[in-house]
Amino acid sequence: GTLPPKAIALTFEGASHSNARYAWPLLIDRKWP
């Protein structure tokens, strides 16, 4: 399949409390996977 321009995936190494506090809420608010 053909990917769209500027295709980006975001990953996190480990389910840390700090990521849950500072990062994931911003992505969930934007509905970004």
PDB file of all heavy atoms in Angstrom:
ATOM      1  N   GLY A   1       0.816  -1.205   0.000  1.00  0.00           N
ATOM      2  CA  GLY A   1       0.000   0.000   0.000  1.00  0.00           C
ATOM      3  C   GLY A   1       0.852   1.258   0.000  1.00  0.00           C
ATOM      4  O   GLY A   1       2.030   1.245   0.357  1.00  0.00           O
ATOM      5  N   THR A   2       0.240   2.360  -0.418  1.00  0.00           N
ATOM      6  CA  THR A   2       0.933   3.653  -0.468  1.00  0.00           C
ATOM      7  C   THR A   2       0.628   4.447   0.791  1.00  0.00           C
ATOM      8  O   THR A   2      -0.537   4.629   1.164  1.00  0.00           O
ATOM      9  CB  THR A   2       0.490   4.457  -1.698  1.00  0.00           C
ATOM     10  OG1 THR A   2       0.814   3.721  -2.881  1.00  0.00           O
ATOM     11  CG2 THR A   2       1.189   5.806  -1.742  1.00  0.00           C
ATOM     12  N   LEU A   3       1.668   4.925   1.448  1.00  0.00           N
ATOM     13  CA  LEU A   3       1.505   5.730   2.646  1.00  0.00           C
ATOM     14  C   LEU A   3       1.316   7.197   2.272  1.00  0.00           C
ATOM     15  O   LEU A   3       1.844   7.652   1.264  1.00  0.00           O
ATOM     16  CB  LEU A   3       2.733   5.577   3.543  1.00  0.00           C
ATOM     17  CG  LEU A   3       2.902   4.200   4.178  1.00  0.00           C
ATOM     18  CD1 LEU A   3       4.308   4.021   4.725  1.00  0.00           C
ATOM     19  CD2 LEU A   3       1.875   3.999   5.283  1.00  0.00           C
ATOM     20  N   PRO A   4       0.588   7.951   3.091  1.00  0.00           N
ATOM     21  CA  PRO A   4       0.390   9.374   2.786  1.00  0.00           C
ATOM     22  C   PRO A   4       1.665  10.158   3.013  1.00  0.00           C
ATOM     23  O   PRO A   4       2.583   9.707   3.707  1.00  0.00           O
ATOM     24  CB  PRO A   4      -0.704   9.781   3.784  1.00  0.00           C
ATOM     25  CG  PRO A   4      -0.523   8.858   4.937  1.00  0.00           C
ATOM     26  CD  PRO A   4      -0.111   7.549   4.330  1.00  0.00           C
ATOM     27  N   PRO A   5       1.758  11.367   2.448  1.00  0.00           N
ATOM     28  CA  PRO A   5       2.930  12.219   2.724  1.00  0.00           C
ATOM     29  C   PRO A   5       3.022  12.521   4.211  1.00  0.00           C
ATOM     30  O   PRO A   5       2.019  12.611   4.905  1.00  0.00           O
ATOM     31  CB  PRO A   5       2.632  13.493   1.918  1.00  0.00           C
ATOM     32  CG  PRO A   5       1.602  13.099   0.908  1.00  0.00           C
ATOM     33  CD  PRO A   5       0.797  12.017   1.542  1.00  0.00           C
ATOM     34  N   LYS A   6       4.247  12.679   4.686  1.00  0.00           N
ATOM     35  CA  LYS A   6       4.512  13.032   6.080  1.00  0.00           C
ATOM     36  C   LYS A   6       3.855  12.052   7.048  1.00  0.00           C
ATOM     37  O   LYS A   6       3.292  12.441   8.076  1.00  0.00           O
ATOM     38  CB  LYS A   6       4.051  14.461   6.376  1.00  0.00           C
ATOM     39  CG  LYS A   6       4.729  15.526   5.529  1.00  0.00           C
ATOM     40  CD  LYS A   6       4.248  16.916   5.889  1.00  0.00           C
ATOM     41  CE  LYS A   6       4.921  17.980   5.017  1.00  0.00           C
ATOM     42  NZ  LYS A   6       4.463  19.347   5.348  1.00  0.00           N
ATOM     43  N   ALA A   7       3.929  10.759   6.726  1.00  0.00           N
ATOM     44  CA  ALA A   7       3.391   9.730   7.618  1.00  0.00           C
ATOM     45  C   ALA A   7       4.289   9.603   8.842  1.00  0.00           C
ATOM     46  O   ALA A   7       5.500   9.434   8.724  1.00  0.00           O
ATOM     47  CB  ALA A   7       3.293   8.400   6.891  1.00  0.00           C
ATOM     48  N   ILE A   8       3.676   9.694  10.017  1.00  0.00           N
ATOM     49  CA  ILE A   8       4.406   9.682  11.281  1.00  0.00           C
ATOM     50  C   ILE A   8       3.728   8.718  12.242  1.00  0.00           C
ATOM     51  O   ILE A   8       2.501   8.671  12.330  1.00  0.00           O
ATOM     52  CB  ILE A   8       4.429  11.080  11.934  1.00  0.00           C
ATOM     53  CG1 ILE A   8       5.128  12.103  11.041  1.00  0.00           C
ATOM     54  CG2 ILE A   8       5.067  11.032  13.319  1.00  0.00           C
ATOM     55  CD1 ILE A   8       6.625  12.060  11.077  1.00  0.00           C
ATOM     56  N   ALA A   9       4.527   7.951  12.981  1.00  0.00           N
ATOM     57  CA  ALA A   9       4.004   7.145  14.093  1.00  0.00           C
ATOM     58  C   ALA A   9       4.778   7.524  15.350  1.00  0.00           C
ATOM     59  O   ALA A   9       6.000   7.716  15.317  1.00  0.00           O
ATOM     60  CB  ALA A   9       4.148   5.658  13.810  1.00  0.00           C
ATOM     61  N   LEU A  10       4.066   7.629  16.469  1.00  0.00           N
ATOM     62  CA  LEU A  10       4.659   8.000  17.750  1.00  0.00           C
ATOM     63  C   LEU A  10       4.700   6.777  18.659  1.00  0.00           C
ATOM     64  O   LEU A  10       3.688   6.083  18.825  1.00  0.00           O
ATOM     65  CB  LEU A  10       3.848   9.112  18.412  1.00  0.00           C
ATOM     66  CG  LEU A  10       3.665  10.384  17.577  1.00  0.00           C
ATOM     67  CD1 LEU A  10       2.733  11.357  18.280  1.00  0.00           C
ATOM     68  CD2 LEU A  10       5.009  11.040  17.300  1.00  0.00           C
ATOM     69  N   THR A  11       5.874   6.501  19.238  1.00  0.00           N
ATOM     70  CA  THR A  11       6.014   5.352  20.124  1.00  0.00           C
ATOM     71  C   THR A  11       6.677   5.775  21.428  1.00  0.00           C
ATOM     72  O   THR A  11       7.412   6.768  21.480  1.00  0.00           O
ATOM     73  CB  THR A  11       6.850   4.226  19.480  1.00  0.00           C
ATOM     74  OG1 THR A  11       8.225   4.638  19.376  1.00  0.00           O
ATOM     75  CG2 THR A  11       6.328   3.878  18.085  1.00  0.00           C
ATOM     76  N   PHE A  12       6.426   4.979  22.465  1.00  0.00           N
ATOM     77  CA  PHE A  12       6.985   5.241  23.787  1.00  0.00           C
ATOM     78  C   PHE A  12       7.616   3.969  24.320  1.00  0.00           C
ATOM     79  O   PHE A  12       7.018   2.903  24.269  1.00  0.00           O
ATOM     80  CB  PHE A  12       5.903   5.742  24.752  1.00  0.00           C
ATOM     81  CG  PHE A  12       5.329   7.075  24.361  1.00  0.00           C
ATOM     82  CD1 PHE A  12       4.286   7.150  23.440  1.00  0.00           C
ATOM     83  CD2 PHE A  12       5.838   8.244  24.893  1.00  0.00           C
ATOM     84  CE1 PHE A  12       3.765   8.372  23.060  1.00  0.00           C
ATOM     85  CE2 PHE A  12       5.318   9.473  24.516  1.00  0.00           C
ATOM     86  CZ  PHE A  12       4.284   9.535  23.591  1.00  0.00           C
ATOM     87  N   GLU A  13       8.814   4.120  24.844  1.00  0.00           N
ATOM     88  CA  GLU A  13       9.557   2.981  25.388  1.00  0.00           C
ATOM     89  C   GLU A  13       9.233   2.867  26.870  1.00  0.00           C
ATOM     90  O   GLU A  13       9.846   3.508  27.719  1.00  0.00           O
ATOM     91  CB  GLU A  13      11.057   3.222  25.177  1.00  0.00           C
ATOM     92  CG  GLU A  13      11.853   1.969  24.958  1.00  0.00           C
ATOM     93  CD  GLU A  13      11.742   1.472  23.520  1.00  0.00           C
ATOM     94  OE1 GLU A  13      10.857   1.934  22.795  1.00  0.00           O
ATOM     95  OE2 GLU A  13      12.552   0.622  23.144  1.00  0.00           O
ATOM     96  N   GLY A  14       8.243   2.055  27.185  1.00  0.00           N
ATOM     97  CA  GLY A  14       7.861   1.872  28.572  1.00  0.00           C
ATOM     98  C   GLY A  14       6.650   2.697  28.965  1.00  0.00           C
ATOM     99  O   GLY A  14       6.466   3.829  28.525  1.00  0.00           O
ATOM    100  N   ALA A  15       5.808   2.102  29.807  1.00  0.00           N
ATOM    101  CA  ALA A  15       4.598   2.775  30.286  1.00  0.00           C
ATOM    102  C   ALA A  15       4.897   3.464  31.611  1.00  0.00           C
ATOM    103  O   ALA A  15       4.444   3.053  32.688  1.00  0.00           O
ATOM    104  CB  ALA A  15       3.461   1.763  30.451  1.00  0.00           C
ATOM    105  N   SER A  16       5.684   4.534  31.540  1.00  0.00           N
ATOM    106  CA  SER A  16       6.088   5.235  32.763  1.00  0.00           C
ATOM    107  C   SER A  16       4.992   6.186  33.236  1.00  0.00           C
ATOM    108  O   SER A  16       4.162   6.657  32.458  1.00  0.00           O
ATOM    109  CB  SER A  16       7.378   6.015  32.523  1.00  0.00           C
ATOM    110  OG  SER A  16       7.149   7.111  31.666  1.00  0.00           O
ATOM    111  N   HIS A  17       5.016   6.461  34.539  1.00  0.00           N
ATOM    112  CA  HIS A  17       4.048   7.415  35.094  1.00  0.00           C
ATOM    113  C   HIS A  17       4.228   8.796  34.484  1.00  0.00           C
ATOM    114  O   HIS A  17       3.242   9.517  34.266  1.00  0.00           O
ATOM    115  CB  HIS A  17       4.214   7.495  36.616  1.00  0.00           C
ATOM    116  CG  HIS A  17       3.804   6.259  37.340  1.00  0.00           C
ATOM    117  ND1 HIS A  17       2.530   5.745  37.266  1.00  0.00           N
ATOM    118  CD2 HIS A  17       4.508   5.420  38.151  1.00  0.00           C
ATOM    119  CE1 HIS A  17       2.450   4.653  38.009  1.00  0.00           C
ATOM    120  NE2 HIS A  17       3.627   4.425  38.557  1.00  0.00           N
ATOM    121  N   SER A  18       5.465   9.178  34.200  1.00  0.00           N
ATOM    122  CA  SER A  18       5.698  10.514  33.653  1.00  0.00           C
ATOM    123  C   SER A  18       5.098  10.648  32.258  1.00  0.00           C
ATOM    124  O   SER A  18       4.525  11.690  31.916  1.00  0.00           O
ATOM    125  CB  SER A  18       7.197  10.819  33.616  1.00  0.00           C
ATOM    126  OG  SER A  18       7.881   9.913  32.767  1.00  0.00           O
ATOM    127  N   ASN A  19       5.200   9.604  31.444  1.00  0.00           N
ATOM    128  CA  ASN A  19       4.581   9.649  30.115  1.00  0.00           C
ATOM    129  C   ASN A  19       3.069   9.734  30.228  1.00  0.00           C
ATOM    130  O   ASN A  19       2.414  10.446  29.461  1.00  0.00           O
ATOM    131  CB  ASN A  19       4.979   8.418  29.307  1.00  0.00           C
ATOM    132  CG  ASN A  19       6.460   8.412  28.961  1.00  0.00           C
ATOM    133  OD1 ASN A  19       7.110   9.444  29.035  1.00  0.00           O
ATOM    134  ND2 ASN A  19       6.975   7.258  28.587  1.00  0.00           N
ATOM    135  N   ALA A  20       2.509   8.991  31.189  1.00  0.00           N
ATOM    136  CA  ALA A  20       1.060   9.017  31.395  1.00  0.00           C
ATOM    137  C   ALA A  20       0.599  10.387  31.872  1.00  0.00           C
ATOM    138  O   ALA A  20      -0.524  10.822  31.572  1.00  0.00           O
ATOM    139  CB  ALA A  20       0.660   7.946  32.415  1.00  0.00           C
ATOM    140  N   ARG A  21       1.467  11.099  32.587  1.00  0.00           N
ATOM    141  CA  ARG A  21       1.091  12.406  33.147  1.00  0.00           C
ATOM    142  C   ARG A  21       1.258  13.531  32.120  1.00  0.00           C
ATOM    143  O   ARG A  21       0.363  14.383  31.977  1.00  0.00           O
ATOM    144  CB  ARG A  21       1.948  12.703  34.380  1.00  0.00           C
ATOM    145  CG  ARG A  21       1.621  14.026  35.063  1.00  0.00           C
ATOM    146  CD  ARG A  21       2.525  14.270  36.263  1.00  0.00           C
ATOM    147  NE  ARG A  21       2.507  13.167  37.198  1.00  0.00           N
ATOM    148  CZ  ARG A  21       3.554  12.379  37.459  1.00  0.00           C
ATOM    149  NH1 ARG A  21       4.717  12.598  36.853  1.00  0.00           N
ATOM    150  NH2 ARG A  21       3.463  11.400  38.318  1.00  0.00           N
ATOM    151  N   TYR A  22       2.373  13.532  31.400  1.00  0.00           N
ATOM    152  CA  TYR A  22       2.713  14.682  30.579  1.00  0.00           C
ATOM    153  C   TYR A  22       2.501  14.516  29.076  1.00  0.00           C
ATOM    154  O   TYR A  22       2.365  15.515  28.365  1.00  0.00           O
ATOM    155  CB  TYR A  22       4.187  15.061  30.800  1.00  0.00           C
ATOM    156  CG  TYR A  22       4.508  15.537  32.183  1.00  0.00           C
ATOM    157  CD1 TYR A  22       5.356  14.809  33.011  1.00  0.00           C
ATOM    158  CD2 TYR A  22       3.970  16.723  32.675  1.00  0.00           C
ATOM    159  CE1 TYR A  22       5.664  15.247  34.289  1.00  0.00           C
ATOM    160  CE2 TYR A  22       4.276  17.166  33.958  1.00  0.00           C
ATOM    161  CZ  TYR A  22       5.120  16.428  34.764  1.00  0.00           C
ATOM    162  OH  TYR A  22       5.413  16.869  36.023  1.00  0.00           O
ATOM    163  N   ALA A  23       2.499  13.294  28.581  1.00  0.00           N
ATOM    164  CA  ALA A  23       2.487  13.094  27.135  1.00  0.00           C
ATOM    165  C   ALA A  23       1.166  12.571  26.592  1.00  0.00           C
ATOM    166  O   ALA A  23       0.564  13.180  25.696  1.00  0.00           O
ATOM    167  CB  ALA A  23       3.624  12.143  26.725  1.00  0.00           C
ATOM    168  N   TRP A  24       0.714  11.453  27.122  1.00  0.00           N
ATOM    169  CA  TRP A  24      -0.435  10.786  26.506  1.00  0.00           C
ATOM    170  C   TRP A  24      -1.716  11.609  26.526  1.00  0.00           C
ATOM    171  O   TRP A  24      -2.479  11.550  25.552  1.00  0.00           O
ATOM    172  CB  TRP A  24      -0.649   9.421  27.159  1.00  0.00           C
ATOM    173  CG  TRP A  24       0.570   8.547  27.050  1.00  0.00           C
ATOM    174  CD1 TRP A  24       1.579   8.668  26.127  1.00  0.00           C
ATOM    175  CD2 TRP A  24       0.931   7.454  27.890  1.00  0.00           C
ATOM    176  NE1 TRP A  24       2.543   7.712  26.345  1.00  0.00           N
ATOM    177  CE2 TRP A  24       2.176   6.956  27.413  1.00  0.00           C
ATOM    178  CE3 TRP A  24       0.331   6.839  28.982  1.00  0.00           C
ATOM    179  CZ2 TRP A  24       2.816   5.863  28.002  1.00  0.00           C
ATOM    180  CZ3 TRP A  24       0.959   5.753  29.571  1.00  0.00           C
ATOM    181  CH2 TRP A  24       2.188   5.275  29.080  1.00  0.00           C
ATOM    182  N   PRO A  25      -1.988  12.407  27.572  1.00  0.00           N
ATOM    183  CA  PRO A  25      -3.207  13.234  27.523  1.00  0.00           C
ATOM    184  C   PRO A  25      -3.230  14.199  26.331  1.00  0.00           C
ATOM    185  O   PRO A  25      -4.301  14.441  25.750  1.00  0.00           O
ATOM    186  CB  PRO A  25      -3.171  13.996  28.854  1.00  0.00           C
ATOM    187  CG  PRO A  25      -2.402  13.092  29.778  1.00  0.00           C
ATOM    188  CD  PRO A  25      -1.340  12.486  28.910  1.00  0.00           C
ATOM    189  N   LEU A  26      -2.059  14.754  25.956  1.00  0.00           N
ATOM    190  CA  LEU A  26      -2.010  15.665  24.807  1.00  0.00           C
ATOM    191  C   LEU A  26      -2.391  14.932  23.518  1.00  0.00           C
ATOM    192  O   LEU A  26      -3.091  15.486  22.659  1.00  0.00           O
ATOM    193  CB  LEU A  26      -0.612  16.265  24.666  1.00  0.00           C
ATOM    194  CG  LEU A  26      -0.109  17.132  25.822  1.00  0.00           C
ATOM    195  CD1 LEU A  26       1.283  17.672  25.499  1.00  0.00           C
ATOM    196  CD2 LEU A  26      -1.069  18.279  26.107  1.00  0.00           C
ATOM    197  N   LEU A  27      -1.923  13.691  23.380  1.00  0.00           N
ATOM    198  CA  LEU A  27      -2.210  12.923  22.174  1.00  0.00           C
ATOM    199  C   LEU A  27      -3.661  12.463  22.149  1.00  0.00           C
ATOM    200  O   LEU A  27      -4.316  12.486  21.092  1.00  0.00           O
ATOM    201  CB  LEU A  27      -1.269  11.712  22.097  1.00  0.00           C
ATOM    202  CG  LEU A  27       0.226  12.042  22.098  1.00  0.00           C
ATOM    203  CD1 LEU A  27       1.054  10.763  22.042  1.00  0.00           C
ATOM    204  CD2 LEU A  27       0.581  12.962  20.938  1.00  0.00           C
ATOM    205  N   ILE A  28      -4.173  12.065  23.291  1.00  0.00           N
ATOM    206  CA  ILE A  28      -5.568  11.618  23.367  1.00  0.00           C
ATOM    207  C   ILE A  28      -6.510  12.776  23.062  1.00  0.00           C
ATOM    208  O   ILE A  28      -7.521  12.606  22.364  1.00  0.00           O
ATOM    209  CB  ILE A  28      -5.842  11.008  24.752  1.00  0.00           C
ATOM    210  CG1 ILE A  28      -5.055   9.694  24.909  1.00  0.00           C
ATOM    211  CG2 ILE A  28      -7.339  10.753  24.942  1.00  0.00           C
ATOM    212  CD1 ILE A  28      -5.059   9.133  26.318  1.00  0.00           C
ATOM    213  N   ASP A  29      -6.181  13.979  23.562  1.00  0.00           N
ATOM    214  CA  ASP A  29      -7.010  15.151  23.270  1.00  0.00           C
ATOM    215  C   ASP A  29      -7.077  15.431  21.771  1.00  0.00           C
ATOM    216  O   ASP A  29      -8.111  15.873  21.255  1.00  0.00           O
ATOM    217  CB  ASP A  29      -6.461  16.385  23.999  1.00  0.00           C
ATOM    218  CG  ASP A  29      -6.779  16.358  25.482  1.00  0.00           C
ATOM    219  OD1 ASP A  29      -7.624  15.551  25.894  1.00  0.00           O
ATOM    220  OD2 ASP A  29      -6.147  17.142  26.233  1.00  0.00           O
ATOM    221  N   ARG A  30      -5.981  15.194  21.074  1.00  0.00           N
ATOM    222  CA  ARG A  30      -5.944  15.424  19.627  1.00  0.00           C
ATOM    223  C   ARG A  30      -6.459  14.221  18.820  1.00  0.00           C
ATOM    224  O   ARG A  30      -6.515  14.271  17.601  1.00  0.00           O
ATOM    225  CB  ARG A  30      -4.513  15.733  19.179  1.00  0.00           C
ATOM    226  CG  ARG A  30      -3.991  17.092  19.626  1.00  0.00           C
ATOM    227  CD  ARG A  30      -2.590  17.323  19.085  1.00  0.00           C
ATOM    228  NE  ARG A  30      -2.072  18.636  19.460  1.00  0.00           N
ATOM    229  CZ  ARG A  30      -2.213  19.734  18.727  1.00  0.00           C
ATOM    230  NH1 ARG A  30      -2.870  19.677  17.580  1.00  0.00           N
ATOM    231  NH2 ARG A  30      -1.707  20.889  19.126  1.00  0.00           N
ATOM    232  N   LYS A  31      -6.778  13.150  19.547  1.00  0.00           N
ATOM    233  CA  LYS A  31      -7.206  11.901  18.895  1.00  0.00           C
ATOM    234  C   LYS A  31      -6.110  11.337  17.979  1.00  0.00           C
ATOM    235  O   LYS A  31      -6.376  10.789  16.915  1.00  0.00           O
ATOM    236  CB  LYS A  31      -8.517  12.100  18.115  1.00  0.00           C
ATOM    237  CG  LYS A  31      -9.705  12.498  18.993  1.00  0.00           C
ATOM    238  CD  LYS A  31     -10.977  12.648  18.189  1.00  0.00           C
ATOM    239  CE  LYS A  31     -12.198  12.843  19.070  1.00  0.00           C
ATOM    240  NZ  LYS A  31     -12.092  14.001  19.965  1.00  0.00           N
ATOM    241  N   TRP A  32      -4.864  11.488  18.432  1.00  0.00           N
ATOM    242  CA  TRP A  32      -3.728  10.947  17.699  1.00  0.00           C
ATOM    243  C   TRP A  32      -3.368   9.570  18.244  1.00  0.00           C
ATOM    244  O   TRP A  32      -3.220   9.410  19.466  1.00  0.00           O
ATOM    245  CB  TRP A  32      -2.517  11.869  17.844  1.00  0.00           C
ATOM    246  CG  TRP A  32      -2.583  13.094  16.978  1.00  0.00           C
ATOM    247  CD1 TRP A  32      -3.606  13.476  16.161  1.00  0.00           C
ATOM    248  CD2 TRP A  32      -1.570  14.103  16.860  1.00  0.00           C
ATOM    249  NE1 TRP A  32      -3.297  14.663  15.538  1.00  0.00           N
ATOM    250  CE2 TRP A  32      -2.055  15.066  15.941  1.00  0.00           C
ATOM    251  CE3 TRP A  32      -0.325  14.283  17.433  1.00  0.00           C
ATOM    252  CZ2 TRP A  32      -1.319  16.200  15.598  1.00  0.00           C
ATOM    253  CZ3 TRP A  32       0.421  15.406  17.092  1.00  0.00           C
ATOM    254  CH2 TRP A  32      -0.073  16.348  16.179  1.00  0.00           C
ATOM    255  N   PRO A  33      -3.181   8.592  17.395  1.00  0.00           N
ATOM    256  CA  PRO A  33      -2.806   7.257  17.868  1.00  0.00           C
ATOM    257  C   PRO A  33      -1.342   7.208  18.296  1.00  0.00           C
ATOM    258  O   PRO A  33      -0.510   7.989  17.815  1.00  0.00           O
ATOM    259  CB  PRO A  33      -3.052   6.372  16.646  1.00  0.00           C
ATOM    260  CG  PRO A  33      -2.834   7.290  15.481  1.00  0.00           C
ATOM    261  CD  PRO A  33      -3.357   8.640  15.921  1.00  0.00           C
TER     262      PRO A  33
END
